[in-house]
N, C-alpha and C. Protein backbone atom coordinates (compact mmCIF):
# COMPACT_ATOMS: atom_id res chain seq x y z
N MET A 1 0.84 -1.18 0.00
CA MET A 1 0.00 0.00 0.00
C MET A 1 0.88 1.23 0.00
N ARG A 2 0.58 2.14 -0.85
CA ARG A 2 1.37 3.34 -1.02
C ARG A 2 0.77 4.47 -0.20
N HIS A 3 1.64 5.20 0.47
CA HIS A 3 1.21 6.32 1.30
C HIS A 3 1.25 7.60 0.48
N ILE A 4 0.19 8.38 0.55
CA ILE A 4 0.13 9.66 -0.15
C ILE A 4 0.18 10.76 0.90
N GLU A 5 1.11 11.66 0.73
CA GLU A 5 1.22 12.81 1.63
C GLU A 5 0.32 13.91 1.05
N TYR A 6 -0.86 14.05 1.66
CA TYR A 6 -1.87 14.95 1.11
C TYR A 6 -1.49 16.42 1.22
N ARG A 7 -0.68 16.77 2.22
CA ARG A 7 -0.24 18.17 2.32
C ARG A 7 0.65 18.53 1.14
N ASP A 8 1.57 17.63 0.78
CA ASP A 8 2.43 17.88 -0.38
C ASP A 8 1.62 17.88 -1.67
N LEU A 9 0.68 16.96 -1.76
CA LEU A 9 -0.17 16.89 -2.95
C LEU A 9 -0.96 18.19 -3.12
N THR A 10 -1.55 18.67 -2.05
CA THR A 10 -2.31 19.92 -2.10
C THR A 10 -1.40 21.10 -2.44
N ALA A 11 -0.25 21.16 -1.78
CA ALA A 11 0.68 22.26 -2.03
C ALA A 11 1.17 22.26 -3.48
N GLY A 12 1.48 21.09 -4.01
CA GLY A 12 1.95 20.99 -5.39
C GLY A 12 0.88 21.39 -6.40
N VAL A 13 -0.35 20.96 -6.16
CA VAL A 13 -1.45 21.32 -7.05
C VAL A 13 -1.71 22.83 -7.00
N LEU A 14 -1.71 23.40 -5.81
CA LEU A 14 -1.91 24.84 -5.68
C LEU A 14 -0.78 25.63 -6.32
N LEU A 15 0.46 25.22 -6.07
CA LEU A 15 1.60 25.92 -6.66
C LEU A 15 1.56 25.83 -8.19
N GLY A 16 1.27 24.65 -8.70
CA GLY A 16 1.16 24.49 -10.14
C GLY A 16 0.01 25.29 -10.73
N GLY A 17 -1.10 25.35 -10.00
CA GLY A 17 -2.25 26.14 -10.47
C GLY A 17 -1.94 27.63 -10.53
N VAL A 18 -1.28 28.12 -9.49
CA VAL A 18 -0.89 29.54 -9.50
C VAL A 18 0.09 29.81 -10.63
N GLY A 19 1.03 28.90 -10.83
CA GLY A 19 1.99 29.06 -11.92
C GLY A 19 1.33 29.03 -13.28
N LEU A 20 0.41 28.11 -13.46
CA LEU A 20 -0.30 28.02 -14.74
C LEU A 20 -1.12 29.27 -15.00
N PHE A 21 -1.82 29.76 -13.98
CA PHE A 21 -2.59 30.98 -14.13
C PHE A 21 -1.68 32.16 -14.48
N THR A 22 -0.55 32.28 -13.78
CA THR A 22 0.38 33.38 -14.03
C THR A 22 0.93 33.32 -15.45
N ALA A 23 1.33 32.14 -15.89
CA ALA A 23 1.89 31.99 -17.23
C ALA A 23 0.84 32.29 -18.30
N LEU A 24 -0.36 31.77 -18.13
CA LEU A 24 -1.41 32.01 -19.13
C LEU A 24 -1.85 33.47 -19.16
N TYR A 25 -1.97 34.08 -17.98
CA TYR A 25 -2.35 35.49 -17.92
C TYR A 25 -1.27 36.36 -18.55
N GLY A 26 -0.02 36.09 -18.23
CA GLY A 26 1.08 36.88 -18.80
C GLY A 26 1.17 36.72 -20.31
N ALA A 27 0.94 35.50 -20.80
CA ALA A 27 1.03 35.24 -22.23
C ALA A 27 -0.13 35.86 -23.00
N SER A 28 -1.31 35.92 -22.38
CA SER A 28 -2.47 36.42 -23.10
C SER A 28 -2.67 37.93 -22.98
N HIS A 29 -2.07 38.56 -21.98
CA HIS A 29 -2.28 39.99 -21.78
C HIS A 29 -1.08 40.87 -22.10
N TYR A 30 0.09 40.28 -22.25
CA TYR A 30 1.30 41.06 -22.48
C TYR A 30 2.12 40.47 -23.61
N THR A 31 2.99 41.29 -24.17
CA THR A 31 3.92 40.82 -25.18
C THR A 31 5.06 40.11 -24.48
N ILE A 32 5.38 38.92 -24.95
CA ILE A 32 6.41 38.13 -24.29
C ILE A 32 7.80 38.54 -24.73
N GLY A 33 8.02 38.66 -26.02
CA GLY A 33 9.34 38.97 -26.52
C GLY A 33 10.22 37.74 -26.51
N ASP A 34 11.53 37.96 -26.48
CA ASP A 34 12.48 36.86 -26.39
C ASP A 34 13.57 37.23 -25.39
N PRO A 35 14.47 36.31 -25.05
CA PRO A 35 15.45 36.64 -24.02
C PRO A 35 16.33 37.86 -24.34
N ALA A 36 16.55 38.14 -25.61
CA ALA A 36 17.37 39.30 -25.96
C ALA A 36 16.58 40.60 -25.83
N ARG A 37 15.30 40.58 -26.14
CA ARG A 37 14.44 41.76 -26.03
C ARG A 37 13.16 41.36 -25.31
N MET A 38 13.26 41.33 -23.99
CA MET A 38 12.14 40.87 -23.18
C MET A 38 11.00 41.87 -23.18
N GLY A 39 9.81 41.34 -23.33
CA GLY A 39 8.62 42.17 -23.22
C GLY A 39 8.10 42.12 -21.79
N PRO A 40 7.02 42.86 -21.53
CA PRO A 40 6.48 42.88 -20.17
C PRO A 40 5.89 41.54 -19.72
N GLY A 41 5.61 40.64 -20.64
CA GLY A 41 5.05 39.35 -20.27
C GLY A 41 6.09 38.26 -20.09
N PHE A 42 7.35 38.56 -20.40
CA PHE A 42 8.40 37.54 -20.33
C PHE A 42 8.57 37.00 -18.92
N PHE A 43 8.73 37.89 -17.94
CA PHE A 43 8.95 37.45 -16.57
C PHE A 43 7.77 36.67 -16.00
N PRO A 44 6.52 37.16 -16.15
CA PRO A 44 5.41 36.36 -15.62
C PRO A 44 5.30 34.97 -16.25
N VAL A 45 5.57 34.88 -17.54
CA VAL A 45 5.47 33.58 -18.21
C VAL A 45 6.56 32.64 -17.72
N MET A 46 7.79 33.15 -17.60
CA MET A 46 8.89 32.31 -17.12
C MET A 46 8.67 31.92 -15.65
N LEU A 47 8.26 32.86 -14.83
CA LEU A 47 7.99 32.57 -13.43
C LEU A 47 6.87 31.54 -13.31
N GLY A 48 5.81 31.70 -14.09
CA GLY A 48 4.72 30.74 -14.07
C GLY A 48 5.18 29.35 -14.48
N GLY A 49 6.05 29.29 -15.49
CA GLY A 49 6.59 28.00 -15.92
C GLY A 49 7.41 27.32 -14.83
N VAL A 50 8.22 28.10 -14.14
CA VAL A 50 9.02 27.55 -13.04
C VAL A 50 8.11 27.05 -11.93
N LEU A 51 7.07 27.80 -11.61
CA LEU A 51 6.13 27.37 -10.56
C LEU A 51 5.40 26.10 -10.95
N VAL A 52 5.05 25.95 -12.21
CA VAL A 52 4.39 24.73 -12.67
C VAL A 52 5.33 23.54 -12.52
N VAL A 53 6.59 23.71 -12.93
CA VAL A 53 7.57 22.61 -12.80
C VAL A 53 7.76 22.23 -11.34
N LEU A 54 7.91 23.23 -10.46
CA LEU A 54 8.06 22.94 -9.04
C LEU A 54 6.82 22.27 -8.47
N GLY A 55 5.64 22.69 -8.91
CA GLY A 55 4.41 22.06 -8.46
C GLY A 55 4.33 20.61 -8.86
N VAL A 56 4.74 20.30 -10.09
CA VAL A 56 4.74 18.91 -10.56
C VAL A 56 5.72 18.07 -9.73
N ILE A 57 6.89 18.62 -9.44
CA ILE A 57 7.88 17.90 -8.63
C ILE A 57 7.31 17.61 -7.24
N ILE A 58 6.66 18.61 -6.64
CA ILE A 58 6.09 18.41 -5.30
C ILE A 58 4.97 17.38 -5.33
N VAL A 59 4.15 17.40 -6.37
CA VAL A 59 3.08 16.39 -6.49
C VAL A 59 3.69 15.00 -6.63
N LEU A 60 4.73 14.86 -7.43
CA LEU A 60 5.37 13.55 -7.58
C LEU A 60 5.99 13.08 -6.26
N LEU A 61 6.56 13.99 -5.51
CA LEU A 61 7.14 13.63 -4.22
C LEU A 61 6.08 13.24 -3.20
N ALA A 62 4.85 13.66 -3.42
CA ALA A 62 3.77 13.30 -2.50
C ALA A 62 3.46 11.81 -2.56
N PHE A 63 3.86 11.14 -3.62
CA PHE A 63 3.58 9.72 -3.79
C PHE A 63 4.75 8.81 -3.43
N ARG A 64 5.79 9.36 -2.84
CA ARG A 64 6.96 8.53 -2.50
C ARG A 64 6.60 7.58 -1.35
N LYS A 65 7.35 6.50 -1.26
CA LYS A 65 7.05 5.49 -0.25
C LYS A 65 7.45 5.93 1.15
N THR A 66 8.60 6.52 1.29
CA THR A 66 9.07 6.90 2.61
C THR A 66 8.63 8.32 2.90
N VAL A 67 7.96 8.49 3.99
CA VAL A 67 7.49 9.81 4.39
C VAL A 67 8.18 10.16 5.70
N HIS A 68 8.88 11.26 5.68
CA HIS A 68 9.54 11.73 6.89
C HIS A 68 8.65 12.77 7.55
N ALA A 69 8.32 12.51 8.78
CA ALA A 69 7.46 13.46 9.50
C ALA A 69 8.30 14.66 9.91
N LEU A 70 7.87 15.81 9.48
CA LEU A 70 8.54 17.05 9.84
C LEU A 70 7.71 17.77 10.88
N HIS A 71 8.36 18.18 11.92
CA HIS A 71 7.67 18.93 12.95
C HIS A 71 8.01 20.39 12.77
N PRO A 72 7.02 21.24 12.67
CA PRO A 72 7.31 22.66 12.48
C PRO A 72 8.04 23.21 13.69
N PRO A 73 8.92 24.18 13.45
CA PRO A 73 9.63 24.77 14.58
C PRO A 73 8.66 25.53 15.47
N PRO A 74 9.01 25.72 16.72
CA PRO A 74 8.12 26.48 17.60
C PRO A 74 8.00 27.92 17.13
N PHE A 75 6.86 28.51 17.42
CA PHE A 75 6.62 29.89 17.00
C PHE A 75 7.60 30.81 17.72
N ALA A 76 8.30 31.64 16.96
CA ALA A 76 9.31 32.53 17.53
C ALA A 76 8.87 33.97 17.31
N LEU A 77 8.29 34.55 18.31
CA LEU A 77 7.81 35.93 18.21
C LEU A 77 8.96 36.90 18.00
N ARG A 78 10.08 36.65 18.66
CA ARG A 78 11.24 37.53 18.51
C ARG A 78 11.72 37.58 17.06
N ALA A 79 11.80 36.43 16.42
CA ALA A 79 12.24 36.38 15.02
C ALA A 79 11.25 37.09 14.10
N LEU A 80 9.98 36.86 14.32
CA LEU A 80 8.95 37.51 13.51
C LEU A 80 9.03 39.03 13.63
N LEU A 81 9.16 39.51 14.86
CA LEU A 81 9.25 40.96 15.07
C LEU A 81 10.53 41.55 14.50
N ALA A 82 11.66 40.86 14.68
CA ALA A 82 12.94 41.39 14.20
C ALA A 82 12.97 41.48 12.67
N VAL A 83 12.51 40.45 12.02
CA VAL A 83 12.53 40.46 10.55
C VAL A 83 11.53 41.48 10.01
N SER A 84 10.35 41.55 10.60
CA SER A 84 9.35 42.54 10.16
C SER A 84 9.86 43.95 10.38
N LEU A 85 10.47 44.19 11.53
CA LEU A 85 11.01 45.51 11.82
C LEU A 85 12.17 45.85 10.89
N SER A 86 12.96 44.86 10.51
CA SER A 86 14.08 45.13 9.60
C SER A 86 13.58 45.58 8.23
N ILE A 87 12.48 45.02 7.76
CA ILE A 87 11.90 45.44 6.48
C ILE A 87 11.40 46.87 6.60
N LEU A 88 10.77 47.18 7.71
CA LEU A 88 10.30 48.55 7.95
C LEU A 88 11.46 49.53 8.01
N VAL A 89 12.52 49.17 8.71
CA VAL A 89 13.70 50.04 8.81
C VAL A 89 14.30 50.30 7.42
N PHE A 90 14.43 49.25 6.62
CA PHE A 90 14.98 49.43 5.28
C PHE A 90 14.11 50.37 4.44
N SER A 91 12.80 50.15 4.48
CA SER A 91 11.92 50.98 3.66
C SER A 91 11.91 52.43 4.11
N LEU A 92 12.11 52.68 5.39
CA LEU A 92 12.15 54.06 5.88
C LEU A 92 13.48 54.74 5.62
N LEU A 93 14.57 53.98 5.55
CA LEU A 93 15.89 54.58 5.42
C LEU A 93 16.44 54.63 4.00
N VAL A 94 15.92 53.82 3.10
CA VAL A 94 16.53 53.71 1.78
C VAL A 94 16.46 55.03 1.01
N ASN A 95 15.39 55.79 1.13
CA ASN A 95 15.30 57.06 0.41
C ASN A 95 16.06 58.18 1.10
N SER A 96 16.11 58.17 2.42
CA SER A 96 16.77 59.26 3.13
C SER A 96 18.26 59.07 3.30
N LEU A 97 18.74 57.84 3.44
CA LEU A 97 20.17 57.60 3.64
C LEU A 97 20.86 56.93 2.47
N GLY A 98 20.13 56.14 1.71
CA GLY A 98 20.72 55.43 0.57
C GLY A 98 20.69 53.93 0.77
N LEU A 99 21.09 53.21 -0.28
CA LEU A 99 21.04 51.75 -0.28
C LEU A 99 22.00 51.13 0.73
N VAL A 100 23.22 51.60 0.78
CA VAL A 100 24.23 50.99 1.64
C VAL A 100 23.89 51.15 3.13
N PRO A 101 23.64 52.37 3.63
CA PRO A 101 23.29 52.47 5.05
C PRO A 101 21.98 51.76 5.41
N ALA A 102 21.01 51.79 4.52
CA ALA A 102 19.74 51.11 4.80
C ALA A 102 19.94 49.60 4.88
N THR A 103 20.78 49.05 4.03
CA THR A 103 21.06 47.61 4.07
C THR A 103 21.81 47.23 5.35
N ILE A 104 22.76 48.07 5.76
CA ILE A 104 23.49 47.80 7.00
C ILE A 104 22.54 47.85 8.19
N ALA A 105 21.70 48.87 8.26
CA ALA A 105 20.75 48.99 9.37
C ALA A 105 19.76 47.82 9.38
N MET A 106 19.27 47.45 8.20
CA MET A 106 18.34 46.33 8.10
C MET A 106 18.96 45.05 8.62
N THR A 107 20.22 44.82 8.27
CA THR A 107 20.89 43.60 8.71
C THR A 107 21.06 43.56 10.22
N PHE A 108 21.45 44.69 10.81
CA PHE A 108 21.62 44.74 12.26
C PHE A 108 20.30 44.45 12.98
N VAL A 109 19.20 44.94 12.44
CA VAL A 109 17.90 44.71 13.08
C VAL A 109 17.46 43.26 12.88
N ALA A 110 17.64 42.73 11.69
CA ALA A 110 17.19 41.36 11.40
C ALA A 110 17.97 40.33 12.21
N VAL A 111 19.25 40.56 12.42
CA VAL A 111 20.07 39.60 13.15
C VAL A 111 19.69 39.58 14.63
N ALA A 112 18.96 40.57 15.09
CA ALA A 112 18.49 40.57 16.48
C ALA A 112 17.55 39.41 16.75
N ALA A 113 17.08 38.75 15.72
CA ALA A 113 16.22 37.57 15.88
C ALA A 113 17.00 36.39 16.42
N GLU A 114 18.29 36.43 16.26
CA GLU A 114 19.15 35.32 16.64
C GLU A 114 19.73 35.53 18.04
N THR A 115 19.79 34.47 18.79
CA THR A 115 20.46 34.56 20.10
C THR A 115 21.59 33.54 20.13
N PRO A 116 22.74 33.83 20.60
CA PRO A 116 23.17 35.14 21.08
C PRO A 116 23.52 36.07 19.92
N TYR A 117 23.41 37.35 20.16
CA TYR A 117 23.69 38.39 19.16
C TYR A 117 25.21 38.56 19.09
N LYS A 118 25.79 38.33 17.93
CA LYS A 118 27.24 38.42 17.76
C LYS A 118 27.55 39.66 16.92
N LEU A 119 28.08 40.68 17.58
CA LEU A 119 28.29 41.98 16.95
C LEU A 119 29.30 41.93 15.81
N ARG A 120 30.42 41.27 16.00
CA ARG A 120 31.45 41.23 14.95
C ARG A 120 30.94 40.53 13.69
N ARG A 121 30.30 39.39 13.89
CA ARG A 121 29.76 38.65 12.75
C ARG A 121 28.67 39.45 12.04
N THR A 122 27.84 40.15 12.82
CA THR A 122 26.79 40.97 12.25
C THR A 122 27.37 42.13 11.44
N ALA A 123 28.43 42.74 11.95
CA ALA A 123 29.06 43.85 11.22
C ALA A 123 29.64 43.37 9.89
N ILE A 124 30.31 42.23 9.91
CA ILE A 124 30.88 41.69 8.66
C ILE A 124 29.76 41.33 7.69
N LEU A 125 28.71 40.70 8.18
CA LEU A 125 27.58 40.33 7.33
C LEU A 125 26.91 41.57 6.74
N SER A 126 26.69 42.59 7.55
CA SER A 126 25.98 43.78 7.06
C SER A 126 26.79 44.51 5.99
N VAL A 127 28.09 44.64 6.19
CA VAL A 127 28.92 45.31 5.19
C VAL A 127 28.98 44.47 3.92
N SER A 128 29.07 43.15 4.06
CA SER A 128 29.10 42.27 2.88
C SER A 128 27.80 42.37 2.09
N LEU A 129 26.66 42.32 2.80
CA LEU A 129 25.37 42.43 2.11
C LEU A 129 25.20 43.78 1.44
N ALA A 130 25.66 44.85 2.09
CA ALA A 130 25.57 46.18 1.51
C ALA A 130 26.42 46.27 0.24
N LEU A 131 27.60 45.69 0.27
CA LEU A 131 28.47 45.69 -0.90
C LEU A 131 27.85 44.90 -2.05
N ILE A 132 27.29 43.73 -1.72
CA ILE A 132 26.65 42.90 -2.75
C ILE A 132 25.43 43.63 -3.34
N ALA A 133 24.62 44.25 -2.48
CA ALA A 133 23.45 45.00 -2.97
C ALA A 133 23.89 46.15 -3.87
N TRP A 134 24.93 46.86 -3.47
CA TRP A 134 25.43 47.98 -4.29
C TRP A 134 25.94 47.46 -5.63
N LEU A 135 26.72 46.35 -5.62
CA LEU A 135 27.23 45.80 -6.88
C LEU A 135 26.11 45.34 -7.80
N ILE A 136 25.10 44.71 -7.24
CA ILE A 136 24.02 44.20 -8.08
C ILE A 136 23.14 45.33 -8.62
N PHE A 137 22.62 46.16 -7.72
CA PHE A 137 21.62 47.13 -8.13
C PHE A 137 22.20 48.40 -8.76
N THR A 138 23.29 48.91 -8.24
CA THR A 138 23.84 50.15 -8.76
C THR A 138 24.80 49.91 -9.91
N VAL A 139 25.72 48.98 -9.74
CA VAL A 139 26.75 48.76 -10.76
C VAL A 139 26.23 47.89 -11.90
N ALA A 140 25.75 46.68 -11.58
CA ALA A 140 25.37 45.73 -12.63
C ALA A 140 24.07 46.11 -13.33
N LEU A 141 23.05 46.49 -12.57
CA LEU A 141 21.75 46.79 -13.16
C LEU A 141 21.56 48.27 -13.50
N SER A 142 22.49 49.11 -13.09
CA SER A 142 22.46 50.56 -13.35
C SER A 142 21.15 51.19 -12.90
N MET A 143 20.67 50.77 -11.74
CA MET A 143 19.46 51.38 -11.19
C MET A 143 19.79 52.75 -10.62
N THR A 144 18.81 53.60 -10.58
CA THR A 144 19.04 54.96 -10.10
C THR A 144 18.99 55.07 -8.59
N LEU A 145 19.00 53.96 -7.90
CA LEU A 145 19.00 53.94 -6.44
C LEU A 145 20.39 54.33 -5.95
N PRO A 146 20.52 55.50 -5.30
CA PRO A 146 21.85 55.94 -4.88
C PRO A 146 22.38 55.12 -3.69
N ALA A 147 23.68 54.94 -3.67
CA ALA A 147 24.30 54.20 -2.59
C ALA A 147 24.26 55.00 -1.29
N PHE A 148 24.53 56.29 -1.38
CA PHE A 148 24.50 57.18 -0.23
C PHE A 148 23.79 58.47 -0.64
N THR A 149 22.73 58.85 0.06
CA THR A 149 22.05 60.10 -0.29
C THR A 149 22.37 61.21 0.69
N PHE A 150 22.89 60.89 1.85
CA PHE A 150 23.18 61.92 2.85
C PHE A 150 24.51 62.63 2.56
N LEU A 151 25.30 62.10 1.61
CA LEU A 151 26.60 62.72 1.29
C LEU A 151 26.47 63.84 0.27
N GLY A 152 25.42 63.90 -0.44
CA GLY A 152 25.33 64.96 -1.42
C GLY A 152 24.14 64.82 -2.22
């Protein structure tokens, strides 16, 4: 007798359905283009396709013989508050201070979810994330998001 994990089956069907809807809506309402000249529908169609593939994989895994029971972690209010507050801090600081200081501040607030709080590791992480964000968004993608707005 084969065991079916109904939570995985439901999740896979829902994920695939959302992906299929996204892909069909993007294809029917927007110009897709091609990878060299992407239209506004390219990303929704590709994202929908990826979601459909992931949904199919999850549905297939729902029929596997060995089922490992996963116990959800205990609810962590501190982590929820720290991460939510870090998003708020970033959104409030990005326009007034710039991408780099907002990313550093966001990281310091988000890491407060972890115990014990390690200041040196957090400082290295925050500077690294700020550098990566600056390289991706300002240098590579040429976005108009300034790295520092308080300097000039």
